[in-house]
Amino acid sequence: MSQVFLGMPATAPAGVGHLRGTESFPRAARRALADPQLRRNLGHATTTIRAKSAAVIDELPDWAQLRAAGSAIKTDVLARLPELLVQLEAKVTEAGGVVHWAADANDANRIVTDLVRATGSDRVIKVKSMATQEIGLNEALAAAGIEPVETDLAELIVQLGDDRPSHILVPAIHRNRAEIREIFLRAMPGVDPALTDEPAALAAVARRYLRQTFLSTRVAVSGANFAVAQTGTLAVVESEGNGRMCLTLPETLITVMGIEKVVPTWQDLEVFLQLLPRASTGERMNPYTSMWTGVTSGDGPQAFHLVLLDNGRSAVLADRTGRQALHCIRCSACLNVCPVYERTGGHAYGSVYPGPIGAVLSPQLTGVADNASLPYASSLCGACYDACPVGINIPELLVHLRDQVPHPRAEATAMAAAGYTMDRPRLYEAAQRATRLGRLAGRRGRGLPPPLTGWTASRDLPEPPEQTFRQWWAQR
């Protein structure tokens, strides 16, 4: 087992792939807010998913207990992660698979590229995978002369459109049917120019395009939703059947999995297979749940490789508050309820992980300074915490990370002065009395004078109360 996973370094690795934003969230968000079509697409999609999810969750009287169980299992996993990973490695190897350890994106891309080259293939079919997006695997394969073909319909739309995913579950959520039709006509070979934008017609065209690829490609690359340490079993859940094709038809299967995806036993897996579909797609169960253990002669891929990916996860694990972000099961429930995401879309976050979970996970995986604006991409309304099927306290994490962001000297000085004042009762009382003078500087509906204008640029200054709580208490 690689020492990087046992040592749990406190800093993120250099090769982090597609996690660092190229510009600040506020600047990217302003551009997204100016796109009315994007906002319409997002508003319609998130509203639909929210309603479906709420309906099937309401059917379960023990949903709260399931959430608590999921959270407890994840807490247990992170408390003994090295032990479980060693057990998983042993079981996968025992079943005929080969386990590789990747410290960062560079390691993972090199391992996968070398494995594909060794097969003599110049093309791979891919199951939708956040881990491979995180490390930029498609770009690494293309640079090595290997063609990656996304087989998930939404991922295919994004790939053909030379675009980037904007949602964890529905990568093309920012596209409508008319836009998808134009992408297919422009980038998909052999498409009839008379193609309509009816969903059935678009799906049929994609199915014809992919079918020959499924039947003629000898190598597949997947992610994994879960891995059972008890038996070395991997699991992928999906809704289209493309994953089942990729996991059974090729001769070689390469799976890239974040180290936090391991669960101890099949009984633990049972909990997540109830939580995930309801929170993500609004379904009672996933249409396709595929599981495999190593290799079986004459059945499915005859060579299986599991790449266990760290890429900053050990650094997250070292933070006792921040580590709860590793509980994430990639359901996207937090995105679907977030008022910020619904108005800006996923591209504004500048990372493969958008929305509330991206605002806390991406900065931790890269180092907060590299994504310093993301912890502020939230109103702290708490809707994400309520929706999370494993109870990740995202607002708490956002505040925790904001404290780690490099602050301007003036802000740091102001906060230090505030802390000094609040730590001394008499000085604090004097400051409270002084707020009465604030009526002269600004009233409700007006801003503060410089240098405090930044605080009131997007909010009204509350009018000071007639009396402080201390005054009210003293009178009673």
Protein backbone atom coordinates (compact mmCIF):
# COMPACT_ATOMS: atom_id res chain seq x y z
CA MET A 1 0.00 0.00 0.00
CA SER A 2 1.36 3.40 -0.99
CA GLN A 3 2.66 5.39 1.98
CA VAL A 4 0.85 8.52 0.83
CA PHE A 5 -2.44 6.95 1.94
CA LEU A 6 -1.09 5.94 5.33
CA GLY A 7 0.77 9.17 6.03
CA MET A 8 -2.20 11.41 5.22
CA PRO A 9 -0.25 14.53 4.17
CA ALA A 10 -1.64 17.88 5.24
CA THR A 11 -1.19 19.50 1.86
CA ALA A 12 -2.89 18.85 -1.46
CA PRO A 13 -0.92 17.21 -4.28
CA ALA A 14 0.38 19.11 -7.26
CA GLY A 15 -1.53 17.13 -9.88
CA VAL A 16 -5.12 17.92 -8.99
CA GLY A 17 -6.61 17.89 -12.48
CA HIS A 18 -9.81 19.86 -13.09
CA LEU A 19 -10.29 21.24 -9.58
CA ARG A 20 -8.73 24.68 -9.64
CA GLY A 21 -10.90 27.53 -10.88
CA THR A 22 -9.55 29.77 -13.63
CA GLU A 23 -11.33 32.85 -12.29
CA SER A 24 -13.14 33.91 -9.15
CA PHE A 25 -16.70 32.75 -8.56
CA PRO A 26 -18.15 36.30 -8.37
CA ARG A 27 -16.78 37.21 -11.80
CA ALA A 28 -17.96 33.97 -13.41
CA ALA A 29 -21.33 34.21 -11.67
CA ARG A 30 -22.01 37.70 -13.03
CA ARG A 31 -21.52 36.37 -16.55
CA ALA A 32 -23.89 33.45 -15.89
CA LEU A 33 -26.53 35.72 -14.39
CA ALA A 34 -26.59 37.69 -17.62
CA ASP A 35 -27.69 34.59 -19.58
CA PRO A 36 -31.51 34.33 -19.37
CA GLN A 37 -31.66 31.06 -21.32
CA LEU A 38 -29.26 29.42 -18.89
CA ARG A 39 -31.40 30.53 -15.96
CA ARG A 40 -34.56 29.19 -17.59
CA ASN A 41 -32.92 25.84 -18.30
CA LEU A 42 -31.60 25.52 -14.75
CA GLY A 43 -34.82 26.69 -13.11
CA HIS A 44 -36.93 24.18 -15.01
CA ALA A 45 -34.56 21.25 -14.44
CA THR A 46 -33.89 21.77 -10.74
CA THR A 47 -37.57 22.36 -9.99
CA THR A 48 -38.50 19.09 -11.72
CA ILE A 49 -35.81 17.07 -9.92
CA ARG A 50 -36.71 18.57 -6.53
CA ALA A 51 -40.36 17.64 -6.91
CA LYS A 52 -39.59 14.05 -7.97
CA SER A 53 -37.12 13.57 -5.14
CA ALA A 54 -39.42 15.00 -2.48
CA ALA A 55 -42.25 12.70 -3.57
CA VAL A 56 -40.30 9.45 -3.20
CA ILE A 57 -38.56 10.54 0.00
CA ASP A 58 -41.95 11.25 1.59
CA GLU A 59 -42.87 7.60 0.97
CA LEU A 60 -40.29 6.41 3.52
CA PRO A 61 -41.24 6.78 7.20
CA ASP A 62 -37.65 6.00 8.22
CA TRP A 63 -35.85 8.48 5.93
CA ALA A 64 -34.36 10.33 8.90
CA GLN A 65 -33.02 7.08 10.32
CA LEU A 66 -31.56 6.11 6.94
CA ARG A 67 -29.77 9.48 6.75
CA ALA A 68 -28.38 8.98 10.23
CA ALA A 69 -27.22 5.48 9.32
CA GLY A 70 -25.52 6.72 6.15
CA SER A 71 -23.72 9.43 8.08
CA ALA A 72 -22.61 6.98 10.78
CA ILE A 73 -21.26 4.51 8.20
CA LYS A 74 -19.28 7.26 6.48
CA THR A 75 -17.87 8.44 9.81
CA ASP A 76 -16.77 4.89 10.59
CA VAL A 77 -15.19 4.50 7.14
CA LEU A 78 -13.09 7.64 7.50
CA ALA A 79 -12.01 6.64 11.02
CA ARG A 80 -10.42 3.43 9.70
CA LEU A 81 -9.88 4.18 6.03
CA PRO A 82 -6.34 2.71 5.70
CA GLU A 83 -7.51 -0.58 7.21
CA LEU A 84 -10.50 -0.81 4.86
CA LEU A 85 -8.43 0.04 1.78
CA VAL A 86 -5.91 -2.68 2.60
CA GLN A 87 -8.80 -5.14 3.00
CA LEU A 88 -10.31 -4.01 -0.32
CA GLU A 89 -6.96 -4.41 -2.10
CA ALA A 90 -6.56 -7.93 -0.76
CA LYS A 91 -10.06 -9.01 -1.79
CA VAL A 92 -9.84 -7.50 -5.30
CA THR A 93 -6.46 -9.18 -5.83
CA GLU A 94 -7.80 -12.49 -4.51
CA ALA A 95 -10.64 -12.28 -7.06
CA GLY A 96 -8.24 -11.79 -9.98
CA GLY A 97 -8.15 -8.01 -10.20
CA VAL A 98 -5.11 -5.73 -10.04
CA VAL A 99 -5.03 -2.72 -7.69
CA HIS A 100 -3.05 0.45 -8.44
CA TRP A 101 -2.49 3.38 -6.04
CA ALA A 102 -2.54 6.91 -7.46
CA ALA A 103 -1.36 9.75 -5.25
CA ASP A 104 -2.68 12.46 -7.56
CA ALA A 105 -4.18 13.17 -10.99
CA ASN A 106 -0.83 12.82 -12.75
CA ASP A 107 -0.31 9.35 -11.27
CA ALA A 108 -3.82 8.21 -12.13
CA ASN A 109 -3.66 9.45 -15.72
CA ARG A 110 -0.30 7.79 -16.26
CA ILE A 111 -1.53 4.49 -14.85
CA VAL A 112 -4.69 4.43 -16.97
CA THR A 113 -2.90 5.54 -20.13
CA ASP A 114 -0.24 2.85 -19.71
CA LEU A 115 -2.89 0.19 -19.11
CA VAL A 116 -4.81 1.16 -22.26
CA ARG A 117 -1.62 1.25 -24.35
CA ALA A 118 -0.72 -2.23 -23.11
CA THR A 119 -3.94 -3.58 -24.65
CA GLY A 120 -3.03 -2.14 -28.06
CA SER A 121 -6.32 -0.24 -28.20
CA ASP A 122 -6.59 3.36 -29.36
CA ARG A 123 -10.14 3.91 -28.07
CA VAL A 124 -11.97 3.46 -24.76
CA ILE A 125 -15.63 3.64 -23.84
CA LYS A 126 -16.41 5.42 -20.59
CA VAL A 127 -19.06 5.16 -17.91
CA LYS A 128 -20.01 8.51 -16.37
CA SER A 129 -17.41 9.18 -13.69
CA MET A 130 -16.75 12.23 -11.53
CA ALA A 131 -13.34 10.86 -10.57
CA THR A 132 -12.14 10.71 -14.19
CA GLN A 133 -13.47 14.21 -14.79
CA GLU A 134 -11.67 15.38 -11.65
CA ILE A 135 -8.30 14.19 -12.92
CA GLY A 136 -8.83 15.28 -16.53
CA LEU A 137 -8.51 11.75 -17.86
CA ASN A 138 -10.14 12.43 -21.23
CA GLU A 139 -7.57 15.09 -22.03
CA ALA A 140 -4.72 12.84 -20.89
CA LEU A 141 -5.95 9.97 -23.06
CA ALA A 142 -6.41 12.23 -26.09
CA ALA A 143 -2.87 13.57 -25.64
CA ALA A 144 -1.65 9.96 -25.76
CA GLY A 145 -3.50 9.28 -29.00
CA ILE A 146 -6.36 7.38 -27.34
CA GLU A 147 -9.94 8.37 -28.11
CA PRO A 148 -12.27 8.45 -25.08
CA VAL A 149 -15.97 8.06 -25.90
CA GLU A 150 -18.49 9.10 -23.23
CA THR A 151 -21.50 6.78 -23.29
CA ASP A 152 -23.78 8.51 -20.79
CA LEU A 153 -26.15 10.61 -22.91
CA ALA A 154 -25.61 13.85 -21.01
CA GLU A 155 -21.84 13.34 -20.91
CA LEU A 156 -21.92 12.60 -24.64
CA ILE A 157 -23.74 15.89 -25.25
CA VAL A 158 -21.10 17.74 -23.24
CA GLN A 159 -18.25 15.95 -25.07
CA LEU A 160 -19.63 16.52 -28.56
CA GLY A 161 -20.38 20.14 -27.73
CA ASP A 162 -16.76 20.69 -26.60
CA ASP A 163 -18.33 21.83 -23.35
CA ARG A 164 -17.87 21.20 -19.64
CA PRO A 165 -20.31 19.47 -17.24
CA SER A 166 -22.35 21.84 -15.09
CA HIS A 167 -24.09 19.39 -12.74
CA ILE A 168 -22.96 16.27 -10.89
CA LEU A 169 -25.93 14.14 -11.92
CA VAL A 170 -27.11 15.88 -15.11
CA PRO A 171 -23.94 17.24 -16.77
CA ALA A 172 -25.88 18.88 -19.63
CA ILE A 173 -28.52 20.49 -17.41
CA HIS A 174 -27.63 23.88 -18.91
CA ARG A 175 -28.68 22.71 -22.40
CA ASN A 176 -32.21 22.54 -23.79
CA ARG A 177 -33.52 20.25 -26.53
CA ALA A 178 -32.94 22.72 -29.34
CA GLU A 179 -29.33 23.21 -28.31
CA ILE A 180 -28.78 19.44 -28.09
CA ARG A 181 -30.19 18.98 -31.61
CA GLU A 182 -27.73 21.55 -32.94
CA ILE A 183 -24.84 19.78 -31.22
CA PHE A 184 -25.81 16.41 -32.70
CA LEU A 185 -26.18 17.87 -36.21
CA ARG A 186 -22.81 19.58 -35.95
CA ALA A 187 -20.69 16.93 -34.22
CA MET A 188 -22.28 13.50 -34.62
CA PRO A 189 -21.51 11.72 -37.91
CA GLY A 190 -24.35 10.48 -40.09
CA VAL A 191 -27.18 12.46 -38.52
CA ASP A 192 -30.20 13.18 -40.71
CA PRO A 193 -30.53 16.98 -41.18
CA ALA A 194 -34.28 16.52 -40.63
CA LEU A 195 -33.66 15.49 -37.01
CA THR A 196 -36.21 17.06 -34.65
CA ASP A 197 -35.65 18.08 -31.04
CA GLU A 198 -38.11 15.51 -29.67
CA PRO A 199 -36.45 13.62 -26.78
CA ALA A 200 -37.20 10.22 -28.34
CA ALA A 201 -35.62 11.26 -31.65
CA LEU A 202 -32.51 12.64 -29.95
CA ALA A 203 -32.12 9.49 -27.83
CA ALA A 204 -32.51 7.26 -30.88
CA VAL A 205 -29.76 9.09 -32.74
CA ALA A 206 -27.42 8.79 -29.76
CA ARG A 207 -28.27 5.09 -29.38
CA ARG A 208 -27.36 4.34 -32.99
CA TYR A 209 -24.14 6.32 -32.65
CA LEU A 210 -23.10 4.44 -29.51
CA ARG A 211 -24.19 0.91 -30.39
CA GLN A 212 -21.37 0.21 -32.84
CA THR A 213 -18.89 1.75 -30.42
CA PHE A 214 -20.04 -0.59 -27.64
CA LEU A 215 -19.62 -3.62 -29.88
CA SER A 216 -16.21 -2.71 -31.30
CA THR A 217 -14.26 -1.26 -28.34
CA ARG A 218 -12.14 -3.60 -26.25
CA VAL A 219 -11.38 -1.35 -23.26
CA ALA A 220 -13.74 0.44 -20.86
CA VAL A 221 -13.06 2.98 -18.13
CA SER A 222 -15.48 3.51 -15.26
CA GLY A 223 -15.78 5.12 -11.89
CA ALA A 224 -17.42 3.44 -8.92
CA ASN A 225 -20.22 4.56 -6.65
CA PHE A 226 -19.17 2.12 -3.92
CA ALA A 227 -16.67 -0.64 -3.18
CA VAL A 228 -17.34 -3.33 -0.55
CA ALA A 229 -14.17 -4.06 1.41
CA GLN A 230 -15.66 -7.31 2.73
CA THR A 231 -15.62 -8.99 -0.69
CA GLY A 232 -13.78 -6.64 -3.09
CA THR A 233 -17.02 -5.95 -4.97
CA LEU A 234 -17.42 -2.74 -7.01
CA ALA A 235 -20.79 -1.12 -7.72
CA VAL A 236 -21.98 1.32 -10.38
CA VAL A 237 -25.54 2.67 -10.41
CA GLU A 238 -26.99 4.39 -13.49
CA SER A 239 -30.21 4.97 -15.39
CA GLU A 240 -29.54 4.35 -19.08
CA GLY A 241 -27.95 0.93 -19.42
CA ASN A 242 -24.80 2.34 -20.99
CA GLY A 243 -22.89 1.48 -17.84
CA ARG A 244 -24.02 -2.13 -18.01
CA MET A 245 -22.76 -2.31 -21.62
CA CYS A 246 -19.37 -0.86 -20.67
CA LEU A 247 -18.99 -3.13 -17.66
CA THR A 248 -19.79 -6.39 -19.47
CA LEU A 249 -18.80 -6.20 -23.17
CA PRO A 250 -15.12 -5.09 -23.24
CA GLU A 251 -12.16 -7.37 -22.66
CA THR A 252 -10.49 -4.96 -20.20
CA LEU A 253 -12.14 -2.82 -17.52
CA ILE A 254 -10.29 -0.04 -15.69
CA THR A 255 -12.05 1.56 -12.71
CA VAL A 256 -10.88 4.84 -11.16
CA MET A 257 -12.27 5.28 -7.66
CA GLY A 258 -11.77 7.89 -4.95
CA ILE A 259 -10.51 6.21 -1.80
CA GLU A 260 -13.47 7.49 0.24
CA LYS A 261 -15.97 5.37 -1.77
CA VAL A 262 -15.22 2.18 0.17
CA VAL A 263 -17.85 0.74 2.55
CA PRO A 264 -17.13 -2.05 5.05
CA THR A 265 -19.89 -4.60 4.32
CA TRP A 266 -22.82 -5.49 2.05
CA GLN A 267 -25.18 -4.47 4.86
CA ASP A 268 -23.68 -0.97 4.74
CA LEU A 269 -24.13 -0.86 0.97
CA GLU A 270 -27.83 -1.59 1.47
CA VAL A 271 -28.28 1.77 3.22
CA PHE A 272 -26.74 3.78 0.40
CA LEU A 273 -28.67 1.96 -2.32
CA GLN A 274 -31.81 3.28 -0.63
CA LEU A 275 -30.52 6.81 -0.06
CA LEU A 276 -28.83 7.53 -3.38
CA PRO A 277 -31.60 7.06 -5.98
CA ARG A 278 -34.21 8.94 -3.98
CA ALA A 279 -31.93 11.89 -3.28
CA SER A 280 -30.46 12.08 -6.78
CA THR A 281 -32.88 11.06 -9.53
CA GLY A 282 -36.10 10.89 -7.53
CA GLU A 283 -36.38 7.12 -8.13
CA ARG A 284 -37.10 4.35 -5.65
CA MET A 285 -34.17 2.38 -7.01
CA ASN A 286 -31.69 2.78 -9.82
CA PRO A 287 -32.77 1.19 -13.11
CA TYR A 288 -29.32 -0.38 -13.49
CA THR A 289 -27.25 -1.48 -10.49
CA SER A 290 -24.14 -3.31 -11.70
CA MET A 291 -21.78 -5.14 -9.35
CA TRP A 292 -18.68 -7.17 -10.09
CA THR A 293 -15.95 -8.88 -8.11
CA GLY A 294 -12.63 -9.34 -9.88
CA VAL A 295 -12.81 -11.42 -13.05
CA THR A 296 -14.77 -14.56 -13.95
CA SER A 297 -13.68 -16.86 -16.76
CA GLY A 298 -15.95 -16.53 -19.78
CA ASP A 299 -18.12 -13.83 -18.19
CA GLY A 300 -17.48 -10.12 -18.65
CA PRO A 301 -14.06 -8.43 -18.87
CA GLN A 302 -11.17 -10.83 -18.48
CA ALA A 303 -8.82 -8.17 -17.11
CA PHE A 304 -9.85 -5.82 -14.30
CA HIS A 305 -7.79 -2.95 -12.87
CA LEU A 306 -8.81 -0.80 -9.90
CA VAL A 307 -7.08 2.58 -9.55
CA LEU A 308 -7.48 3.95 -6.02
CA LEU A 309 -7.26 7.73 -6.19
CA ASP A 310 -6.13 10.05 -3.40
CA ASN A 311 -5.66 13.41 -5.17
CA GLY A 312 -5.93 15.49 -2.01
CA ARG A 313 -8.33 13.27 -0.07
CA SER A 314 -5.76 12.44 2.60
CA ALA A 315 -5.34 16.17 3.22
CA VAL A 316 -9.10 16.54 3.64
CA LEU A 317 -9.14 13.57 6.00
CA ALA A 318 -6.55 15.28 8.19
CA ASP A 319 -9.02 18.13 8.90
CA ARG A 320 -11.41 16.90 11.59
CA THR A 321 -14.06 19.44 10.60
CA GLY A 322 -13.49 19.40 6.86
CA ARG A 323 -13.39 15.62 6.49
CA GLN A 324 -17.18 15.34 6.52
CA ALA A 325 -17.07 16.54 2.89
CA LEU A 326 -15.74 13.06 2.09
CA HIS A 327 -19.11 11.64 3.18
CA CYS A 328 -20.49 12.85 -0.17
CA ILE A 329 -22.12 10.13 -2.32
CA ARG A 330 -22.38 12.43 -5.39
CA CYS A 331 -26.19 12.52 -5.39
CA SER A 332 -26.39 16.26 -6.30
CA ALA A 333 -29.31 16.89 -3.92
CA CYS A 334 -27.55 19.98 -2.58
CA LEU A 335 -27.29 21.47 -6.08
CA ASN A 336 -30.98 20.99 -6.76
CA VAL A 337 -32.05 23.03 -3.71
CA CYS A 338 -29.34 25.71 -3.77
CA PRO A 339 -30.59 29.19 -4.76
CA VAL A 340 -27.08 30.21 -5.79
CA TYR A 341 -26.51 27.22 -8.07
CA GLU A 342 -29.97 27.56 -9.62
CA ARG A 343 -29.13 31.09 -10.75
CA THR A 344 -25.50 30.70 -11.79
CA GLY A 345 -25.17 27.11 -12.98
CA GLY A 346 -22.19 24.84 -12.51
CA HIS A 347 -19.63 26.49 -14.80
CA ALA A 348 -19.37 29.50 -12.50
CA TYR A 349 -17.72 27.32 -9.85
CA GLY A 350 -14.75 26.65 -12.15
CA SER A 351 -14.41 23.07 -10.91
CA VAL A 352 -15.73 19.65 -11.85
CA TYR A 353 -17.64 19.70 -8.54
CA PRO A 354 -20.18 22.56 -8.64
CA GLY A 355 -22.81 23.71 -6.19
CA PRO A 356 -22.63 23.60 -2.39
CA ILE A 357 -20.59 20.40 -2.20
CA GLY A 358 -18.15 21.78 -4.75
CA ALA A 359 -17.82 24.97 -2.74
CA VAL A 360 -16.45 22.94 0.19
CA LEU A 361 -14.83 19.94 -1.51
CA SER A 362 -12.83 21.62 -4.31
CA PRO A 363 -11.06 24.13 -2.02
CA GLN A 364 -10.06 21.33 0.33
CA LEU A 365 -8.75 19.07 -2.42
CA THR A 366 -6.62 21.83 -3.95
CA GLY A 367 -5.82 23.96 -0.92
CA VAL A 368 -8.15 26.81 0.01
CA ALA A 369 -5.95 29.53 -1.47
CA ASP A 370 -6.41 28.07 -4.97
CA ASN A 371 -10.21 28.30 -4.74
CA ALA A 372 -10.56 31.12 -2.23
CA SER A 373 -13.84 32.49 -3.59
CA LEU A 374 -15.80 29.21 -3.52
CA PRO A 375 -16.53 29.12 0.25
CA TYR A 376 -18.37 32.42 -0.30
CA ALA A 377 -20.55 30.99 -3.11
CA SER A 378 -23.42 30.51 -0.69
CA SER A 379 -26.09 32.42 1.19
CA LEU A 380 -25.70 29.99 4.16
CA CYS A 381 -29.44 29.34 3.99
CA GLY A 382 -28.92 25.70 5.02
CA ALA A 383 -31.11 24.11 2.34
CA CYS A 384 -28.17 21.93 1.27
CA TYR A 385 -27.78 20.53 4.81
CA ASP A 386 -31.47 19.66 4.96
CA ALA A 387 -31.35 17.93 1.57
CA CYS A 388 -28.10 15.97 1.99
CA PRO A 389 -28.92 12.25 2.36
CA VAL A 390 -25.86 11.67 4.55
CA GLY A 391 -26.26 14.84 6.62
CA ILE A 392 -23.14 16.79 5.60
CA ASN A 393 -23.25 20.11 7.43
CA ILE A 394 -22.23 22.17 4.42
CA PRO A 395 -22.94 25.58 6.05
CA GLU A 396 -20.59 24.65 8.89
CA LEU A 397 -17.92 23.66 6.37
CA LEU A 398 -18.37 26.89 4.42
CA VAL A 399 -17.79 28.98 7.54
CA HIS A 400 -14.86 26.75 8.51
CA LEU A 401 -13.22 27.29 5.12
CA ARG A 402 -13.94 31.01 5.06
CA ASP A 403 -11.81 31.25 8.16
CA GLN A 404 -8.92 29.67 6.22
CA VAL A 405 -9.17 31.95 3.17
CA PRO A 406 -6.40 34.58 2.94
CA HIS A 407 -8.03 37.85 3.99
CA PRO A 408 -7.06 41.41 3.02
CA ARG A 409 -5.11 43.19 5.72
CA ALA A 410 -7.87 45.76 6.28
CA GLU A 411 -10.46 43.02 6.82
CA ALA A 412 -8.18 41.08 9.13
CA THR A 413 -7.54 44.24 11.14
CA ALA A 414 -11.26 45.01 11.37
CA MET A 415 -12.07 41.47 12.52
CA ALA A 416 -9.29 41.57 15.10
CA ALA A 417 -10.67 44.85 16.44
CA ALA A 418 -14.17 43.38 16.59
CA GLY A 419 -12.90 40.32 18.42
CA TYR A 420 -10.99 42.48 20.89
CA THR A 421 -14.11 44.56 21.55
CA MET A 422 -16.49 41.61 21.96
CA ASP A 423 -14.10 39.97 24.42
CA ARG A 424 -14.39 42.95 26.82
CA PRO A 425 -17.90 43.57 28.22
CA ARG A 426 -17.49 47.26 29.07
CA LEU A 427 -15.94 48.07 25.72
CA TYR A 428 -18.68 46.07 24.00
CA GLU A 429 -21.39 48.01 25.84
CA ALA A 430 -19.78 51.26 24.79
CA ALA A 431 -19.75 50.07 21.19
CA GLN A 432 -23.43 49.21 21.42
CA ARG A 433 -24.21 52.71 22.64
CA ALA A 434 -22.16 54.09 19.78
CA THR A 435 -24.33 52.31 17.24
CA ARG A 436 -27.02 54.81 18.11
CA LEU A 437 -24.89 57.29 16.23
CA GLY A 438 -25.06 54.98 13.23
CA ARG A 439 -28.37 56.60 12.31
CA LEU A 440 -26.33 59.59 11.21
CA ALA A 441 -24.09 57.47 8.94
CA GLY A 442 -26.74 55.32 7.34
CA ARG A 443 -30.35 54.23 7.71
CA ARG A 444 -32.27 51.18 6.51
CA GLY A 445 -32.19 51.14 2.73
CA ARG A 446 -28.90 53.06 2.65
CA GLY A 447 -25.29 51.94 2.63
CA LEU A 448 -22.40 52.64 4.94
CA PRO A 449 -19.71 55.19 4.13
CA PRO A 450 -16.28 54.05 2.88
CA PRO A 451 -14.44 51.84 3.66
CA LEU A 452 -17.49 49.83 4.73
CA THR A 453 -19.32 50.14 1.43
CA GLY A 454 -18.49 46.55 0.43
CA TRP A 455 -20.75 45.14 3.14
CA THR A 456 -23.79 47.16 2.05
CA ALA A 457 -23.24 46.78 -1.69
CA SER A 458 -25.79 43.94 -1.76
CA ARG A 459 -27.72 44.36 1.50
CA ASP A 460 -29.51 47.04 3.48
CA LEU A 461 -28.07 48.39 6.69
CA PRO A 462 -30.46 47.37 9.50
CA GLU A 463 -31.69 50.23 11.63
CA PRO A 464 -30.31 50.04 15.21
CA PRO A 465 -32.99 49.03 17.77
CA GLU A 466 -34.40 51.53 20.25
CA GLN A 467 -32.64 49.73 23.08
CA THR A 468 -30.04 46.98 23.31
CA PHE A 469 -30.74 43.57 24.82
CA ARG A 470 -28.62 44.51 27.83
CA GLN A 471 -30.73 47.64 28.40
CA TRP A 472 -33.93 45.66 28.04
CA TRP A 473 -32.67 43.02 30.48
CA ALA A 474 -31.59 45.60 33.04
CA GLN A 475 -35.09 47.10 33.09
CA ARG A 476 -36.68 43.73 33.76
